[in-house]
PDB file of N, CA and C in Angstrom:
ATOM      1  N   MET A   1     106.929  99.638  96.219  1.00  0.00           N
ATOM      2  CA  MET A   1     107.085 100.481  95.138  1.00  0.00           C
ATOM      3  C   MET A   1     107.313  99.734  94.022  1.00  0.00           C
ATOM      4  N   ARG A   2     106.953  99.917  93.096  1.00  0.00           N
ATOM      5  CA  ARG A   2     106.962  98.646  91.915  1.00  0.00           C
ATOM      6  C   ARG A   2     107.863  99.753  90.404  1.00  0.00           C
ATOM      7  N   LEU A   3     108.982  99.181  90.242  1.00  0.00           N
ATOM      8  CA  LEU A   3     109.712  99.951  89.398  1.00  0.00           C
ATOM      9  C   LEU A   3     109.822  99.819  87.948  1.00  0.00           C
ATOM     10  N   PRO A   4     110.120 100.547  86.803  1.00  0.00           N
ATOM     11  CA  PRO A   4     109.538  99.926  85.572  1.00  0.00           C
ATOM     12  C   PRO A   4     110.616  98.504  85.099  1.00  0.00           C
ATOM     13  N   ASP A   5     111.799  98.636  85.838  1.00  0.00           N
ATOM     14  CA  ASP A   5     113.217  97.306  86.148  1.00  0.00           C
ATOM     15  C   ASP A   5     113.358  96.206  86.646  1.00  0.00           C
ATOM     16  N   HIS A   6     111.830  96.521  87.619  1.00  0.00           N
ATOM     17  CA  HIS A   6     111.738  95.390  88.848  1.00  0.00           C
ATOM     18  C   HIS A   6     110.553  94.469  89.043  1.00  0.00           C
ATOM     19  N   VAL A   7     111.270  93.292  89.045  1.00  0.00           N
ATOM     20  CA  VAL A   7     109.770  92.260  89.148  1.00  0.00           C
ATOM     21  C   VAL A   7     109.869  91.688  90.688  1.00  0.00           C
ATOM     22  N   HIS A   8     108.550  91.207  90.777  1.00  0.00           N
ATOM     23  CA  HIS A   8     108.529  90.536  91.816  1.00  0.00           C
ATOM     24  C   HIS A   8     107.603  89.173  90.902  1.00  0.00           C
ATOM     25  N   LEU A   9     108.177  88.060  91.553  1.00  0.00           N
ATOM     26  CA  LEU A   9     107.943  86.853  91.488  1.00  0.00           C
ATOM     27  C   LEU A   9     107.727  86.087  92.383  1.00  0.00           C
ATOM     28  N   PHE A  10     106.648  85.590  92.723  1.00  0.00           N
ATOM     29  CA  PHE A  10     106.331  84.372  93.725  1.00  0.00           C
ATOM     30  C   PHE A  10     105.784  83.088  93.288  1.00  0.00           C
ATOM     31  N   VAL A  11     106.641  81.838  93.493  1.00  0.00           N
ATOM     32  CA  VAL A  11     106.903  80.479  92.566  1.00  0.00           C
ATOM     33  C   VAL A  11     107.207  79.732  93.234  1.00  0.00           C
ATOM     34  N   GLN A  12     106.296  78.208  93.610  1.00  0.00           N
ATOM     35  CA  GLN A  12     106.549  77.078  93.916  1.00  0.00           C
ATOM     36  C   GLN A  12     107.574  76.309  93.481  1.00  0.00           C
ATOM     37  N   TYR A  13     108.451  75.742  94.027  1.00  0.00           N
ATOM     38  CA  TYR A  13     109.166  74.768  93.525  1.00  0.00           C
ATOM     39  C   TYR A  13     109.835  73.805  94.570  1.00  0.00           C
ATOM     40  N   PRO A  14     110.088  72.547  94.037  1.00  0.00           N
ATOM     41  CA  PRO A  14     110.537  71.597  94.877  1.00  0.00           C
ATOM     42  C   PRO A  14     111.858  72.018  96.188  1.00  0.00           C
ATOM     43  N   PRO A  15     111.784  71.051  96.768  1.00  0.00           N
ATOM     44  CA  PRO A  15     112.324  71.594  97.934  1.00  0.00           C
ATOM     45  C   PRO A  15     114.056  71.561  97.697  1.00  0.00           C
ATOM     46  N   GLU A  16     114.374  70.227  97.061  1.00  0.00           N
ATOM     47  CA  GLU A  16     115.830  70.219  96.640  1.00  0.00           C
ATOM     48  C   GLU A  16     116.209  71.289  95.952  1.00  0.00           C
ATOM     49  N   ILE A  17     115.616  71.859  95.163  1.00  0.00           N
ATOM     50  CA  ILE A  17     116.599  73.318  94.388  1.00  0.00           C
ATOM     51  C   ILE A  17     116.498  74.058  95.407  1.00  0.00           C
ATOM     52  N   SER A  18     117.974  74.255  95.552  1.00  0.00           N
ATOM     53  CA  SER A  18     117.853  75.869  96.604  1.00  0.00           C
ATOM     54  C   SER A  18     117.714  77.351  95.619  1.00  0.00           C
ATOM     55  N   PRO A  19     116.886  78.306  96.718  1.00  0.00           N
ATOM     56  CA  PRO A  19     116.626  79.530  95.961  1.00  0.00           C
ATOM     57  C   PRO A  19     117.226  80.062  95.055  1.00  0.00           C
ATOM     58  N   SER A  20     118.643  80.106  95.500  1.00  0.00           N
ATOM     59  CA  SER A  20     119.777  80.336  94.218  1.00  0.00           C
ATOM     60  C   SER A  20     120.061  80.099  93.126  1.00  0.00           C
ATOM     61  N   LYS A  21     119.670  78.566  92.867  1.00  0.00           N
ATOM     62  CA  LYS A  21     119.570  77.657  91.632  1.00  0.00           C
ATOM     63  C   LYS A  21     118.619  78.323  90.497  1.00  0.00           C
ATOM     64  N   MET A  22     117.474  78.386  91.926  1.00  0.00           N
ATOM     65  CA  MET A  22     116.065  78.462  90.933  1.00  0.00           C
ATOM     66  C   MET A  22     115.607  79.775  90.223  1.00  0.00           C
ATOM     67  N   ALA A  23     116.901  81.218  91.249  1.00  0.00           N
ATOM     68  CA  ALA A  23     116.571  82.431  90.412  1.00  0.00           C
ATOM     69  C   ALA A  23     117.910  82.221  89.728  1.00  0.00           C
ATOM     70  N   GLU A  24     118.754  81.495  89.466  1.00  0.00           N
ATOM     71  CA  GLU A  24     119.646  81.316  87.906  1.00  0.00           C
ATOM     72  C   GLU A  24     118.684  80.926  87.224  1.00  0.00           C
ATOM     73  N   LYS A  25     118.057  79.560  87.035  1.00  0.00           N
ATOM     74  CA  LYS A  25     117.611  79.252  86.371  1.00  0.00           C
ATOM     75  C   LYS A  25     116.128  80.062  85.516  1.00  0.00           C
ATOM     76  N   VAL A  26     115.775  81.115  86.752  1.00  0.00           N
ATOM     77  CA  VAL A  26     114.740  81.787  86.118  1.00  0.00           C
ATOM     78  C   VAL A  26     114.900  82.641  85.049  1.00  0.00           C
ATOM     79  N   LYS A  27     116.404  83.238  85.821  1.00  0.00           N
ATOM     80  CA  LYS A  27     117.068  84.273  84.715  1.00  0.00           C
ATOM     81  C   LYS A  27     117.685  83.646  84.037  1.00  0.00           C
ATOM     82  N   SER A  28     117.949  83.283  83.875  1.00  0.00           N
ATOM     83  CA  SER A  28     118.808  82.600  82.578  1.00  0.00           C
ATOM     84  C   SER A  28     117.979  82.075  81.392  1.00  0.00           C
ATOM     85  N   ASN A  29     116.599  81.289  81.477  1.00  0.00           N
ATOM     86  CA  ASN A  29     115.557  81.089  81.265  1.00  0.00           C
ATOM     87  C   ASN A  29     114.847  82.564  80.251  1.00  0.00           C
ATOM     88  N   ALA A  30     114.373  83.437  81.424  1.00  0.00           N
ATOM     89  CA  ALA A  30     114.082  84.075  80.744  1.00  0.00           C
ATOM     90  C   ALA A  30     115.036  85.199  80.166  1.00  0.00           C
ATOM     91  N   SER A  31     115.974  85.057  80.167  1.00  0.00           N
ATOM     92  CA  SER A  31     117.159  86.124  79.143  1.00  0.00           C
ATOM     93  C   SER A  31     117.372  85.580  77.709  1.00  0.00           C
ATOM     94  N   ARG A  32     117.484  84.061  77.886  1.00  0.00           N
ATOM     95  CA  ARG A  32     117.508  83.486  76.597  1.00  0.00           C
ATOM     96  C   ARG A  32     116.024  83.869  75.616  1.00  0.00           C
ATOM     97  N   HIS A  33     114.744  83.462  76.177  1.00  0.00           N
ATOM     98  CA  HIS A  33     113.594  83.967  75.311  1.00  0.00           C
ATOM     99  C   HIS A  33     113.586  85.444  75.195  1.00  0.00           C
ATOM    100  N   LEU A  34     114.008  86.116  76.463  1.00  0.00           N
ATOM    101  CA  LEU A  34     113.724  87.761  76.083  1.00  0.00           C
ATOM    102  C   LEU A  34     114.983  88.168  74.270  1.00  0.00           C
ATOM    103  N   ARG A  35     115.924  87.308  74.895  1.00  0.00           N
ATOM    104  CA  ARG A  35     116.946  87.933  73.668  1.00  0.00           C
ATOM    105  C   ARG A  35     116.762  86.831  72.148  1.00  0.00           C
ATOM    106  N   GLU A  36     115.662  85.950  72.488  1.00  0.00           N
ATOM    107  CA  GLU A  36     115.286  85.264  71.111  1.00  0.00           C
ATOM    108  C   GLU A  36     113.968  86.124  70.689  1.00  0.00           C
ATOM    109  N   LYS A  37     113.334  86.522  70.934  1.00  0.00           N
ATOM    110  CA  LYS A  37     111.610  87.352  70.832  1.00  0.00           C
ATOM    111  C   LYS A  37     112.344  89.436  70.665  1.00  0.00           C
ATOM    112  N   HIS A  38     113.847  89.821  71.445  1.00  0.00           N
ATOM    113  CA  HIS A  38     113.780  91.202  70.802  1.00  0.00           C
ATOM    114  C   HIS A  38     115.758  90.990  70.685  1.00  0.00           C
ATOM    115  N   PRO A  39     115.635  90.572  69.638  1.00  0.00           N
ATOM    116  CA  PRO A  39     117.692  90.327  69.174  1.00  0.00           C
ATOM    117  C   PRO A  39     118.241  91.926  69.085  1.00  0.00           C
ATOM    118  N   GLN A  40     117.535  93.344  69.622  1.00  0.00           N
ATOM    119  CA  GLN A  40     118.814  94.495  69.682  1.00  0.00           C
ATOM    120  C   GLN A  40     118.815  94.154  71.569  1.00  0.00           C
ATOM    121  N   LEU A  41     118.089  93.145  72.069  1.00  0.00           N
ATOM    122  CA  LEU A  41     118.199  93.394  73.463  1.00  0.00           C
ATOM    123  C   LEU A  41     120.408  92.592  73.948  1.00  0.00           C
ATOM    124  N   VAL A  42     121.105  91.918  72.557  1.00  0.00           N
ATOM    125  CA  VAL A  42     122.505  91.606  72.471  1.00  0.00           C
ATOM    126  C   VAL A  42     122.725  92.698  72.640  1.00  0.00           C
ATOM    127  N   ARG A  43     122.811  93.640  71.941  1.00  0.00           N
ATOM    128  CA  ARG A  43     123.455  94.955  71.192  1.00  0.00           C
ATOM    129  C   ARG A  43     123.361  95.540  72.532  1.00  0.00           C
ATOM    130  N   TRP A  44     122.144  96.081  72.784  1.00  0.00           N
ATOM    131  CA  TRP A  44     122.148  96.794  74.521  1.00  0.00           C
ATOM    132  C   TRP A  44     122.421  96.253  75.778  1.00  0.00           C
ATOM    133  N   CYS A  45     122.465  95.208  75.635  1.00  0.00           N
ATOM    134  CA  CYS A  45     123.111  94.483  76.833  1.00  0.00           C
ATOM    135  C   CYS A  45     123.877  93.068  77.105  1.00  0.00           C
ATOM    136  N   LYS A  46     124.951  93.581  76.517  1.00  0.00           N
ATOM    137  CA  LYS A  46     126.807  93.352  76.225  1.00  0.00           C
ATOM    138  C   LYS A  46     126.680  92.453  77.893  1.00  0.00           C
ATOM    139  N   THR A  47     126.898  92.773  78.997  1.00  0.00           N
ATOM    140  CA  THR A  47     127.501  92.318  79.870  1.00  0.00           C
ATOM    141  C   THR A  47     126.638  91.356  80.675  1.00  0.00           C
ATOM    142  N   GLY A  48     125.329  91.961  80.364  1.00  0.00           N
ATOM    143  CA  GLY A  48     124.055  91.146  80.771  1.00  0.00           C
ATOM    144  C   GLY A  48     122.589  91.509  80.720  1.00  0.00           C
ATOM    145  N   LEU A  49     121.625  90.601  81.190  1.00  0.00           N
ATOM    146  CA  LEU A  49     120.501  91.274  81.383  1.00  0.00           C
ATOM    147  C   LEU A  49     120.101  91.779  82.221  1.00  0.00           C
ATOM    148  N   TRP A  50     120.307  90.609  83.420  1.00  0.00           N
ATOM    149  CA  TRP A  50     119.783  90.901  84.933  1.00  0.00           C
ATOM    150  C   TRP A  50     120.750  91.641  85.905  1.00  0.00           C
ATOM    151  N   ALA A  51     120.536  92.097  86.791  1.00  0.00           N
ATOM    152  CA  ALA A  51     121.892  92.448  88.065  1.00  0.00           C
ATOM    153  C   ALA A  51     122.692  91.198  88.238  1.00  0.00           C
ATOM    154  N   PRO A  52     123.664  91.481  89.227  1.00  0.00           N
ATOM    155  CA  PRO A  52     124.147  89.913  89.479  1.00  0.00           C
ATOM    156  C   PRO A  52     123.685  89.524  90.434  1.00  0.00           C
ATOM    157  N   GLY A  53     122.555  90.377  91.298  1.00  0.00           N
ATOM    158  CA  GLY A  53     122.051  89.685  92.911  1.00  0.00           C
ATOM    159  C   GLY A  53     120.675  89.534  92.334  1.00  0.00           C
ATOM    160  N   CYS A  54     119.473  88.860  93.536  1.00  0.00           N
ATOM    161  CA  CYS A  54     118.661  89.328  93.962  1.00  0.00           C
ATOM    162  C   CYS A  54     118.478  88.933  95.115  1.00  0.00           C
ATOM    163  N   PHE A  55     117.457  88.968  95.489  1.00  0.00           N
ATOM    164  CA  PHE A  55     116.403  88.482  96.804  1.00  0.00           C
ATOM    165  C   PHE A  55     115.606  88.002  97.050  1.00  0.00           C
ATOM    166  N   HIS A  56     115.668  86.428  97.404  1.00  0.00           N
ATOM    167  CA  HIS A  56     114.712  85.372  97.566  1.00  0.00           C
ATOM    168  C   HIS A  56     114.317  86.091  99.014  1.00  0.00           C
ATOM    169  N   GLY A  57     113.319  84.786  99.023  1.00  0.00           N
ATOM    170  CA  GLY A  57     112.789  84.708 100.657  1.00  0.00           C
ATOM    171  C   GLY A  57     111.992  83.465 100.665  1.00  0.00           C
ATOM    172  N   SER A  58     111.545  82.696 101.812  1.00  0.00           N
ATOM    173  CA  SER A  58     110.304  81.852 101.630  1.00  0.00           C
ATOM    174  C   SER A  58     109.470  81.858 102.364  1.00  0.00           C
ATOM    175  N   VAL A  59     108.454  81.474 102.054  1.00  0.00           N
ATOM    176  CA  VAL A  59     106.593  81.466 102.786  1.00  0.00           C
ATOM    177  C   VAL A  59     106.763  79.742 103.156  1.00  0.00           C
ATOM    178  N   GLY A  60     106.371  79.425 104.504  1.00  0.00           N
ATOM    179  CA  GLY A  60     105.830  78.548 104.432  1.00  0.00           C
ATOM    180  C   GLY A  60     104.128  78.381 104.134  1.00  0.00           C
ATOM    181  N   HIS A  61     103.403  79.154 105.038  1.00  0.00           N
ATOM    182  CA  HIS A  61     102.449  79.746 105.178  1.00  0.00           C
ATOM    183  C   HIS A  61     102.095  80.937 104.776  1.00  0.00           C
ATOM    184  N   GLY A  62     100.377  81.492 104.579  1.00  0.00           N
ATOM    185  CA  GLY A  62     100.492  82.762 104.743  1.00  0.00           C
ATOM    186  C   GLY A  62     100.670  82.977 103.266  1.00  0.00           C
ATOM    187  N   PHE A  63     100.316  82.121 101.988  1.00  0.00           N
ATOM    188  CA  PHE A  63     100.500  82.663 100.456  1.00  0.00           C
ATOM    189  C   PHE A  63      99.752  83.795 100.047  1.00  0.00           C
ATOM    190  N   ASP A  64      98.547  83.851 100.605  1.00  0.00           N
ATOM    191  CA  ASP A  64      97.491  84.910 100.052  1.00  0.00           C
ATOM    192  C   ASP A  64      98.358  86.173 100.580  1.00  0.00           C
ATOM    193  N   VAL A  65      98.829  85.902 101.541  1.00  0.00           N
ATOM    194  CA  VAL A  65      99.695  87.923 102.487  1.00  0.00           C
ATOM    195  C   VAL A  65     100.247  87.962 101.374  1.00  0.00           C
ATOM    196  N   VAL A  66     101.469  87.439 100.581  1.00  0.00           N
ATOM    197  CA  VAL A  66     102.723  87.671 100.174  1.00  0.00           C
ATOM    198  C   VAL A  66     101.749  88.063  98.759  1.00  0.00           C
ATOM    199  N   GLU A  67     100.681  87.508  98.206  1.00  0.00           N
ATOM    200  CA  GLU A  67      99.919  87.318  96.644  1.00  0.00           C
ATOM    201  C   GLU A  67      99.636  88.947  96.740  1.00  0.00           C
ATOM    202  N   GLN A  68      98.750  89.186  97.702  1.00  0.00           N
ATOM    203  CA  GLN A  68      98.466  90.423  97.979  1.00  0.00           C
ATOM    204  C   GLN A  68      99.227  91.267  98.218  1.00  0.00           C
ATOM    205  N   TYR A  69     100.244  91.292  99.085  1.00  0.00           N
ATOM    206  CA  TYR A  69     101.760  92.107  99.006  1.00  0.00           C
ATOM    207  C   TYR A  69     101.787  92.721  97.472  1.00  0.00           C
ATOM    208  N   ILE A  70     102.378  91.907  96.412  1.00  0.00           N
ATOM    209  CA  ILE A  70     102.492  91.528  95.380  1.00  0.00           C
ATOM    210  C   ILE A  70     101.750  92.989  94.301  1.00  0.00           C
ATOM    211  N   LYS A  71     100.382  92.534  94.262  1.00  0.00           N
ATOM    212  CA  LYS A  71      99.071  93.103  93.584  1.00  0.00           C
ATOM    213  C   LYS A  71      99.176  94.103  94.101  1.00  0.00           C
ATOM    214  N   GLY A  72      99.619  94.367  95.648  1.00  0.00           N
ATOM    215  CA  GLY A  72      99.078  95.783  96.154  1.00  0.00           C
ATOM    216  C   GLY A  72     100.429  96.935  95.903  1.00  0.00           C
ATOM    217  N   GLN A  73     101.402  96.326  94.848  1.00  0.00           N
ATOM    218  CA  GLN A  73     102.751  97.534  94.555  1.00  0.00           C
ATOM    219  C   GLN A  73     102.523  98.050  93.781  1.00  0.00           C
ATOM    220  N   LYS A  74     102.832  99.536  94.061  1.00  0.00           N
ATOM    221  CA  LYS A  74     102.328 100.473  92.880  1.00  0.00           C
ATOM    222  C   LYS A  74     102.983 101.321  92.039  1.00  0.00           C
ATOM    223  N   PHE A  75     102.560 101.009  90.929  1.00  0.00           N
ATOM    224  CA  PHE A  75     103.961 101.807  89.505  1.00  0.00           C
ATOM    225  C   PHE A  75     104.058 103.504  90.032  1.00  0.00           C
ATOM    226  N   GLN A  76     105.024 103.064  89.770  1.00  0.00           N
ATOM    227  CA  GLN A  76     106.008 104.693  89.807  1.00  0.00           C
ATOM    228  C   GLN A  76     107.202 104.622  88.595  1.00  0.00           C
ATOM    229  N   THR A  77     107.126 106.023  88.673  1.00  0.00           N
ATOM    230  CA  THR A  77     108.395 106.591  87.129  1.00  0.00           C
ATOM    231  C   THR A  77     109.242 107.379  88.040  1.00  0.00           C
ATOM    232  N   HIS A  78     110.512 107.441  87.234  1.00  0.00           N
ATOM    233  CA  HIS A  78     110.895 108.863  87.938  1.00  0.00           C
ATOM    234  C   HIS A  78     111.374 109.571  87.039  1.00  0.00           C
TER     235      HIS A  78
END
């Protein structure tokens, strides 16, 4: 299920960077860019743009399986 406020990312990064550090970098950079492009977010999201947690998994082989899973998610609204 894909929700309007839910994002799947499938990224490759160097093994010396931990998954939590990678998630922190992605969230930080995305937040900065979004706030620059949409200044109203500064007022709307005073405590933060992202939820405090996230899920990260790893894949050694089978990239195509993960990619197809993400592409196959259906958009739903409540």
